[in-house]
Amino acid sequence: MPTCGRCKATDVSTASVRACYNGQPNPHAVNEEALAAERLRSLVASVPRAEDDNSPMWPASDSQINYLVNILQDERRLPDTYKVLSEDDCRKMERDEVSSQITILKTFPYKNGKAATDSKWSMPEGRYALHVNGEVWFFEVNKPTQGRWKGYTFIKRLIGSPGAYRKLPMQAGERNKYLAKIDADPKAAAILFGKESKTCFRCHSPLTDPDSLARSMGPVCAGKVGW
């Protein structure tokens, strides 16, 4: 672990050591975020991408991967150079690599200074579709009702087909943009998802009944959300 020869502070950068010898007050404390960013860059550089063929010897658990993906949607001040990892990327990582990512990412502060819930989003939890750049994009909106994420709203883009979707995390700007579009008319977005996927937006079951196909969602699920 790097140590400053002047003040004996540990886990320091070359720049902060130089500043310490030049008499700058608290030079190491002001570099904590920069140090975390450097560690994150080094860690990301060693992470295999989803298109690589190698499989981890000790893969991360689903709970670890979900926790990491949720942190990436937590509106923290992450380095501009950080490339958001997809769920598939995370599954290519060793368990300790995922743990290191989580530990480092948690050191970055929230953009607004503290965590905030997303109670402003009124749409029910489920899957939705939107017209984006001439295409139809699928999304999954999760709204936990218990645990540390209670009150938050998460959104992931769905790629692929029903039963085999890849879930891609989104940066805060995109996240709020598409949540706002869905929240403007959640029923229409749910109907579009049902029409395009032939599955119910809420329970994800295939739509086979003529009435359900016409409604683009099952009658029970429609009733539970008041549609």
C-alpha atoms as a PDB file:
ATOM      1  CA  MET A   1       0.000   0.000   0.000  1.00  0.00           C
ATOM      2  CA  PRO A   2       1.573   3.373  -1.021  1.00  0.00           C
ATOM      3  CA  THR A   3       2.633   5.501   1.987  1.00  0.00           C
ATOM      4  CA  CYS A   4       3.624   9.169   2.182  1.00  0.00           C
ATOM      5  CA  GLY A   5       7.202   9.469   3.486  1.00  0.00           C
ATOM      6  CA  ARG A   6       6.472  12.843   5.120  1.00  0.00           C
ATOM      7  CA  CYS A   7       3.213  12.350   7.027  1.00  0.00           C
ATOM      8  CA  LYS A   8       2.989   8.529   6.862  1.00  0.00           C
ATOM      9  CA  ALA A   9      -0.511   8.643   5.319  1.00  0.00           C
ATOM     10  CA  THR A  10      -1.343   5.385   3.520  1.00  0.00           C
ATOM     11  CA  ASP A  11      -3.024   4.579   0.205  1.00  0.00           C
ATOM     12  CA  VAL A  12      -1.875   7.844  -1.381  1.00  0.00           C
ATOM     13  CA  SER A  13      -1.127   8.987  -4.923  1.00  0.00           C
ATOM     14  CA  THR A  14       2.146  10.343  -6.287  1.00  0.00           C
ATOM     15  CA  ALA A  15       0.527  13.737  -6.836  1.00  0.00           C
ATOM     16  CA  SER A  16      -0.721  13.987  -3.248  1.00  0.00           C
ATOM     17  CA  VAL A  17       2.705  12.976  -1.851  1.00  0.00           C
ATOM     18  CA  ARG A  18       4.326  15.720  -3.920  1.00  0.00           C
ATOM     19  CA  ALA A  19       1.728  18.207  -2.634  1.00  0.00           C
ATOM     20  CA  CYS A  20       2.382  17.076   0.952  1.00  0.00           C
ATOM     21  CA  TYR A  21       6.125  17.718   0.629  1.00  0.00           C
ATOM     22  CA  ASN A  22       5.304  21.164  -0.797  1.00  0.00           C
ATOM     23  CA  GLY A  23       3.331  21.994   2.349  1.00  0.00           C
ATOM     24  CA  GLN A  24      -0.196  21.870   0.911  1.00  0.00           C
ATOM     25  CA  PRO A  25      -2.730  21.346   3.750  1.00  0.00           C
ATOM     26  CA  ASN A  26      -4.525  17.982   3.783  1.00  0.00           C
ATOM     27  CA  PRO A  27      -3.220  16.958   0.336  1.00  0.00           C
ATOM     28  CA  HIS A  28      -4.215  13.322   0.684  1.00  0.00           C
ATOM     29  CA  ALA A  29      -7.801  13.901   1.816  1.00  0.00           C
ATOM     30  CA  VAL A  30      -8.701  15.904  -1.289  1.00  0.00           C
ATOM     31  CA  ASN A  31      -7.557  13.083  -3.569  1.00  0.00           C
ATOM     32  CA  GLU A  32      -9.778  10.297  -2.250  1.00  0.00           C
ATOM     33  CA  GLU A  33     -12.208  10.465  -5.167  1.00  0.00           C
ATOM     34  CA  ALA A  34      -9.367  10.630  -7.683  1.00  0.00           C
ATOM     35  CA  LEU A  35      -7.761   7.587  -6.058  1.00  0.00           C
ATOM     36  CA  ALA A  36     -11.029   5.677  -6.250  1.00  0.00           C
ATOM     37  CA  ALA A  37     -11.355   6.642  -9.918  1.00  0.00           C
ATOM     38  CA  GLU A  38      -7.815   5.367 -10.597  1.00  0.00           C
ATOM     39  CA  ARG A  39      -8.541   2.068  -8.852  1.00  0.00           C
ATOM     40  CA  LEU A  40     -11.771   1.745 -10.832  1.00  0.00           C
ATOM     41  CA  ARG A  41      -9.975   2.399 -14.137  1.00  0.00           C
ATOM     42  CA  SER A  42      -7.410  -0.270 -13.322  1.00  0.00           C
ATOM     43  CA  LEU A  43     -10.090  -2.746 -12.330  1.00  0.00           C
ATOM     44  CA  VAL A  44     -12.270  -2.115 -15.394  1.00  0.00           C
ATOM     45  CA  ALA A  45      -9.275  -2.535 -17.693  1.00  0.00           C
ATOM     46  CA  SER A  46      -8.906  -6.125 -16.477  1.00  0.00           C
ATOM     47  CA  VAL A  47     -12.605  -7.044 -16.765  1.00  0.00           C
ATOM     48  CA  PRO A  48     -13.433  -9.376 -19.693  1.00  0.00           C
ATOM     49  CA  ARG A  49     -16.223  -8.060 -21.910  1.00  0.00           C
ATOM     50  CA  ALA A  50     -19.430  -9.999 -22.615  1.00  0.00           C
ATOM     51  CA  GLU A  51     -18.281 -11.021 -26.098  1.00  0.00           C
ATOM     52  CA  ASP A  52     -15.239 -12.853 -24.685  1.00  0.00           C
ATOM     53  CA  ASP A  53     -15.466 -16.629 -24.407  1.00  0.00           C
ATOM     54  CA  ASN A  54     -13.795 -17.236 -21.049  1.00  0.00           C
ATOM     55  CA  SER A  55     -15.950 -18.233 -18.093  1.00  0.00           C
ATOM     56  CA  PRO A  56     -15.105 -17.316 -14.477  1.00  0.00           C
ATOM     57  CA  MET A  57     -13.857 -20.029 -12.153  1.00  0.00           C
ATOM     58  CA  TRP A  58     -15.708 -18.468  -9.210  1.00  0.00           C
ATOM     59  CA  PRO A  59     -18.679 -16.599 -10.741  1.00  0.00           C
ATOM     60  CA  ALA A  60     -20.506 -13.898  -8.845  1.00  0.00           C
ATOM     61  CA  SER A  61     -23.919 -14.618  -7.364  1.00  0.00           C
ATOM     62  CA  ASP A  62     -27.102 -13.170  -8.836  1.00  0.00           C
ATOM     63  CA  SER A  63     -27.496 -10.978  -5.745  1.00  0.00           C
ATOM     64  CA  GLN A  64     -23.983  -9.531  -6.231  1.00  0.00           C
ATOM     65  CA  ILE A  65     -24.637  -8.812  -9.901  1.00  0.00           C
ATOM     66  CA  ASN A  66     -28.017  -7.204  -9.191  1.00  0.00           C
ATOM     67  CA  TYR A  67     -26.453  -5.103  -6.432  1.00  0.00           C
ATOM     68  CA  LEU A  68     -23.692  -3.899  -8.779  1.00  0.00           C
ATOM     69  CA  VAL A  69     -26.177  -3.059 -11.538  1.00  0.00           C
ATOM     70  CA  ASN A  70     -28.345  -1.152  -9.043  1.00  0.00           C
ATOM     71  CA  ILE A  71     -25.365   0.916  -7.847  1.00  0.00           C
ATOM     72  CA  LEU A  72     -24.756   1.958 -11.448  1.00  0.00           C
ATOM     73  CA  GLN A  73     -28.279   3.416 -11.527  1.00  0.00           C
ATOM     74  CA  ASP A  74     -27.845   5.165  -8.192  1.00  0.00           C
ATOM     75  CA  GLU A  75     -26.934   8.586  -9.644  1.00  0.00           C
ATOM     76  CA  ARG A  76     -23.432   8.748  -8.205  1.00  0.00           C
ATOM     77  CA  ARG A  77     -20.666  10.984  -9.561  1.00  0.00           C
ATOM     78  CA  LEU A  78     -18.767   8.302 -11.481  1.00  0.00           C
ATOM     79  CA  PRO A  79     -15.650   9.055 -13.578  1.00  0.00           C
ATOM     80  CA  ASP A  80     -16.394  10.115 -17.173  1.00  0.00           C
ATOM     81  CA  THR A  81     -14.102   7.320 -18.363  1.00  0.00           C
ATOM     82  CA  TYR A  82     -16.100   4.610 -16.611  1.00  0.00           C
ATOM     83  CA  LYS A  83     -17.969   2.403 -19.058  1.00  0.00           C
ATOM     84  CA  VAL A  84     -21.137   0.966 -17.571  1.00  0.00           C
ATOM     85  CA  LEU A  85     -21.017  -2.819 -17.453  1.00  0.00           C
ATOM     86  CA  SER A  86     -23.919  -4.865 -18.744  1.00  0.00           C
ATOM     87  CA  GLU A  87     -25.350  -7.798 -16.814  1.00  0.00           C
ATOM     88  CA  ASP A  88     -23.616 -10.129 -19.289  1.00  0.00           C
ATOM     89  CA  ASP A  89     -20.279  -8.377 -18.654  1.00  0.00           C
ATOM     90  CA  CYS A  90     -20.726  -8.922 -14.914  1.00  0.00           C
ATOM     91  CA  ARG A  91     -21.299 -12.628 -15.447  1.00  0.00           C
ATOM     92  CA  LYS A  92     -17.876 -12.860 -17.102  1.00  0.00           C
ATOM     93  CA  MET A  93     -16.201 -11.559 -13.939  1.00  0.00           C
ATOM     94  CA  GLU A  94     -14.842 -13.481 -10.979  1.00  0.00           C
ATOM     95  CA  ARG A  95     -16.686 -13.113  -7.685  1.00  0.00           C
ATOM     96  CA  ASP A  96     -13.890 -11.045  -6.110  1.00  0.00           C
ATOM     97  CA  GLU A  97     -13.814  -8.712  -9.143  1.00  0.00           C
ATOM     98  CA  VAL A  98     -17.525  -7.967  -8.761  1.00  0.00           C
ATOM     99  CA  SER A  99     -16.973  -7.418  -5.033  1.00  0.00           C
ATOM    100  CA  SER A 100     -14.120  -4.979  -5.789  1.00  0.00           C
ATOM    101  CA  GLN A 101     -16.302  -3.078  -8.274  1.00  0.00           C
ATOM    102  CA  ILE A 102     -19.038  -2.724  -5.649  1.00  0.00           C
ATOM    103  CA  THR A 103     -16.596  -1.576  -2.952  1.00  0.00           C
ATOM    104  CA  ILE A 104     -15.027   1.091  -5.178  1.00  0.00           C
ATOM    105  CA  LEU A 105     -18.274   2.348  -6.720  1.00  0.00           C
ATOM    106  CA  LYS A 106     -19.766   2.865  -3.246  1.00  0.00           C
ATOM    107  CA  THR A 107     -16.970   5.352  -2.464  1.00  0.00           C
ATOM    108  CA  PHE A 108     -18.246   7.826  -5.063  1.00  0.00           C
ATOM    109  CA  PRO A 109     -20.673  10.426  -3.685  1.00  0.00           C
ATOM    110  CA  TYR A 110     -24.239  10.903  -4.808  1.00  0.00           C
ATOM    111  CA  LYS A 111     -24.775  13.680  -7.342  1.00  0.00           C
ATOM    112  CA  ASN A 112     -27.206  15.460  -5.056  1.00  0.00           C
ATOM    113  CA  GLY A 113     -25.200  14.774  -1.902  1.00  0.00           C
ATOM    114  CA  LYS A 114     -27.418  11.990  -0.577  1.00  0.00           C
ATOM    115  CA  ALA A 115     -29.523   9.096  -1.738  1.00  0.00           C
ATOM    116  CA  ALA A 116     -33.059   9.960  -2.750  1.00  0.00           C
ATOM    117  CA  THR A 117     -36.057   7.779  -3.500  1.00  0.00           C
ATOM    118  CA  ASP A 118     -37.900   7.996  -6.794  1.00  0.00           C
ATOM    119  CA  SER A 119     -41.466   8.321  -5.560  1.00  0.00           C
ATOM    120  CA  LYS A 120     -42.194  10.790  -8.375  1.00  0.00           C
ATOM    121  CA  TRP A 121     -42.561   7.875 -10.837  1.00  0.00           C
ATOM    122  CA  SER A 122     -46.162   6.655 -10.680  1.00  0.00           C
ATOM    123  CA  MET A 123     -46.171   3.848 -13.256  1.00  0.00           C
ATOM    124  CA  PRO A 124     -46.696   0.311 -11.898  1.00  0.00           C
ATOM    125  CA  GLU A 125     -43.848  -2.171 -11.980  1.00  0.00           C
ATOM    126  CA  GLY A 126     -43.712  -4.065 -15.254  1.00  0.00           C
ATOM    127  CA  ARG A 127     -42.407  -4.196 -18.798  1.00  0.00           C
ATOM    128  CA  TYR A 128     -43.012  -1.432 -21.300  1.00  0.00           C
ATOM    129  CA  ALA A 129     -42.229  -0.474 -24.874  1.00  0.00           C
ATOM    130  CA  LEU A 130     -41.502   2.877 -26.527  1.00  0.00           C
ATOM    131  CA  HIS A 131     -40.897   4.073 -30.060  1.00  0.00           C
ATOM    132  CA  VAL A 132     -37.258   5.214 -30.165  1.00  0.00           C
ATOM    133  CA  ASN A 133     -35.534   6.381 -33.352  1.00  0.00           C
ATOM    134  CA  GLY A 134     -37.941   4.468 -35.583  1.00  0.00           C
ATOM    135  CA  GLU A 135     -37.605   1.269 -33.524  1.00  0.00           C
ATOM    136  CA  VAL A 136     -39.539  -0.291 -30.671  1.00  0.00           C
ATOM    137  CA  TRP A 137     -37.460  -0.583 -27.494  1.00  0.00           C
ATOM    138  CA  PHE A 138     -38.444  -2.775 -24.551  1.00  0.00           C
ATOM    139  CA  PHE A 139     -37.849  -1.783 -20.921  1.00  0.00           C
ATOM    140  CA  GLU A 140     -38.319  -3.364 -17.507  1.00  0.00           C
ATOM    141  CA  VAL A 141     -39.271  -1.148 -14.570  1.00  0.00           C
ATOM    142  CA  ASN A 142     -38.692  -2.474 -11.046  1.00  0.00           C
ATOM    143  CA  LYS A 143     -40.051  -0.786  -7.908  1.00  0.00           C
ATOM    144  CA  PRO A 144     -38.931  -2.679  -4.767  1.00  0.00           C
ATOM    145  CA  THR A 145     -41.345  -2.512  -1.841  1.00  0.00           C
ATOM    146  CA  GLN A 146     -38.954  -3.737   0.859  1.00  0.00           C
ATOM    147  CA  GLY A 147     -35.266  -3.875   1.709  1.00  0.00           C
ATOM    148  CA  ARG A 148     -32.645  -1.168   1.159  1.00  0.00           C
ATOM    149  CA  TRP A 149     -34.048  -0.306  -2.295  1.00  0.00           C
ATOM    150  CA  LYS A 150     -37.607   0.317  -1.067  1.00  0.00           C
ATOM    151  CA  GLY A 151     -38.987   3.472  -2.694  1.00  0.00           C
ATOM    152  CA  TYR A 152     -36.539   3.419  -5.614  1.00  0.00           C
ATOM    153  CA  THR A 153     -37.437   2.942  -9.264  1.00  0.00           C
ATOM    154  CA  PHE A 154     -35.062   1.052 -11.542  1.00  0.00           C
ATOM    155  CA  ILE A 155     -35.216   0.676 -15.295  1.00  0.00           C
ATOM    156  CA  LYS A 156     -33.288  -1.600 -17.640  1.00  0.00           C
ATOM    157  CA  ARG A 157     -33.482  -1.970 -21.374  1.00  0.00           C
ATOM    158  CA  LEU A 158     -34.467  -5.436 -22.602  1.00  0.00           C
ATOM    159  CA  ILE A 159     -32.664  -6.876 -25.628  1.00  0.00           C
ATOM    160  CA  GLY A 160     -33.682 -10.138 -27.304  1.00  0.00           C
ATOM    161  CA  SER A 161     -36.901 -12.108 -27.114  1.00  0.00           C
ATOM    162  CA  PRO A 162     -39.329 -13.179 -24.342  1.00  0.00           C
ATOM    163  CA  GLY A 163     -37.736 -15.756 -22.072  1.00  0.00           C
ATOM    164  CA  ALA A 164     -34.223 -14.824 -23.190  1.00  0.00           C
ATOM    165  CA  TYR A 165     -33.974 -11.076 -22.586  1.00  0.00           C
ATOM    166  CA  ARG A 166     -30.636  -9.466 -21.816  1.00  0.00           C
ATOM    167  CA  LYS A 167     -31.074  -6.675 -19.270  1.00  0.00           C
ATOM    168  CA  LEU A 168     -28.884  -3.639 -19.893  1.00  0.00           C
ATOM    169  CA  PRO A 169     -28.340  -1.034 -17.131  1.00  0.00           C
ATOM    170  CA  MET A 170     -28.654   2.620 -18.066  1.00  0.00           C
ATOM    171  CA  GLN A 171     -26.891   5.817 -17.053  1.00  0.00           C
ATOM    172  CA  ALA A 172     -28.840   8.316 -14.961  1.00  0.00           C
ATOM    173  CA  GLY A 173     -29.577  10.656 -17.875  1.00  0.00           C
ATOM    174  CA  GLU A 174     -31.039   7.896 -20.049  1.00  0.00           C
ATOM    175  CA  ARG A 175     -32.771   6.364 -17.072  1.00  0.00           C
ATOM    176  CA  ASN A 176     -34.729   9.514 -16.230  1.00  0.00           C
ATOM    177  CA  LYS A 177     -35.434  10.238 -19.890  1.00  0.00           C
ATOM    178  CA  TYR A 178     -37.155   6.916 -20.548  1.00  0.00           C
ATOM    179  CA  LEU A 179     -38.835   6.727 -17.145  1.00  0.00           C
ATOM    180  CA  ALA A 180     -40.419  10.099 -17.930  1.00  0.00           C
ATOM    181  CA  LYS A 181     -41.618   8.872 -21.336  1.00  0.00           C
ATOM    182  CA  ILE A 182     -43.170   5.762 -19.800  1.00  0.00           C
ATOM    183  CA  ASP A 183     -44.673   7.683 -16.896  1.00  0.00           C
ATOM    184  CA  ALA A 184     -46.356  10.115 -19.301  1.00  0.00           C
ATOM    185  CA  ASP A 185     -48.649   7.278 -20.473  1.00  0.00           C
ATOM    186  CA  PRO A 186     -47.805   3.952 -18.812  1.00  0.00           C
ATOM    187  CA  LYS A 187     -50.911   2.209 -20.105  1.00  0.00           C
ATOM    188  CA  ALA A 188     -50.000   3.000 -23.726  1.00  0.00           C
ATOM    189  CA  ALA A 189     -46.409   1.820 -23.142  1.00  0.00           C
ATOM    190  CA  ALA A 190     -47.699  -1.403 -21.542  1.00  0.00           C
ATOM    191  CA  ILE A 191     -50.106  -2.017 -24.433  1.00  0.00           C
ATOM    192  CA  LEU A 192     -47.299  -1.469 -26.952  1.00  0.00           C
ATOM    193  CA  PHE A 193     -45.148  -4.009 -25.111  1.00  0.00           C
ATOM    194  CA  GLY A 194     -47.971  -6.572 -25.129  1.00  0.00           C
ATOM    195  CA  LYS A 195     -48.675  -5.953 -28.800  1.00  0.00           C
ATOM    196  CA  GLU A 196     -45.024  -6.323 -29.852  1.00  0.00           C
ATOM    197  CA  SER A 197     -43.982  -9.167 -27.518  1.00  0.00           C
ATOM    198  CA  LYS A 198     -47.301 -11.064 -27.280  1.00  0.00           C
ATOM    199  CA  THR A 199     -46.697 -11.304 -23.515  1.00  0.00           C
ATOM    200  CA  CYS A 200     -48.330  -9.553 -20.559  1.00  0.00           C
ATOM    201  CA  PHE A 201     -46.443  -6.496 -19.333  1.00  0.00           C
ATOM    202  CA  ARG A 202     -46.993  -7.401 -15.668  1.00  0.00           C
ATOM    203  CA  CYS A 203     -46.793 -11.210 -15.264  1.00  0.00           C
ATOM    204  CA  HIS A 204     -44.862 -11.849 -18.513  1.00  0.00           C
ATOM    205  CA  SER A 205     -47.140 -14.739 -19.490  1.00  0.00           C
ATOM    206  CA  PRO A 206     -47.838 -15.383 -23.218  1.00  0.00           C
ATOM    207  CA  LEU A 207     -51.046 -13.775 -24.465  1.00  0.00           C
ATOM    208  CA  THR A 208     -53.182 -16.428 -26.184  1.00  0.00           C
ATOM    209  CA  ASP A 209     -56.778 -15.506 -25.353  1.00  0.00           C
ATOM    210  CA  PRO A 210     -58.360 -13.284 -28.066  1.00  0.00           C
ATOM    211  CA  ASP A 211     -59.543 -10.750 -25.482  1.00  0.00           C
ATOM    212  CA  SER A 212     -56.079 -10.596 -23.892  1.00  0.00           C
ATOM    213  CA  LEU A 213     -54.462 -10.185 -27.308  1.00  0.00           C
ATOM    214  CA  ALA A 214     -56.905  -7.379 -28.127  1.00  0.00           C
ATOM    215  CA  ARG A 215     -56.183  -5.741 -24.766  1.00  0.00           C
ATOM    216  CA  SER A 216     -52.416  -6.488 -25.039  1.00  0.00           C
ATOM    217  CA  MET A 217     -52.390  -7.654 -21.414  1.00  0.00           C
ATOM    218  CA  GLY A 218     -54.144 -10.255 -19.272  1.00  0.00           C
ATOM    219  CA  PRO A 219     -57.464  -9.320 -17.612  1.00  0.00           C
ATOM    220  CA  VAL A 220     -56.235 -10.082 -14.063  1.00  0.00           C
ATOM    221  CA  CYS A 221     -53.110  -7.933 -14.446  1.00  0.00           C
ATOM    222  CA  ALA A 222     -55.102  -5.151 -16.093  1.00  0.00           C
ATOM    223  CA  GLY A 223     -57.524  -5.183 -13.173  1.00  0.00           C
ATOM    224  CA  LYS A 224     -54.754  -5.076 -10.567  1.00  0.00           C
ATOM    225  CA  VAL A 225     -53.393  -1.819 -11.984  1.00  0.00           C
ATOM    226  CA  GLY A 226     -56.829  -0.318 -12.687  1.00  0.00           C
ATOM    227  CA  TRP A 227     -56.675  -0.562 -16.485  1.00  0.00           C
END
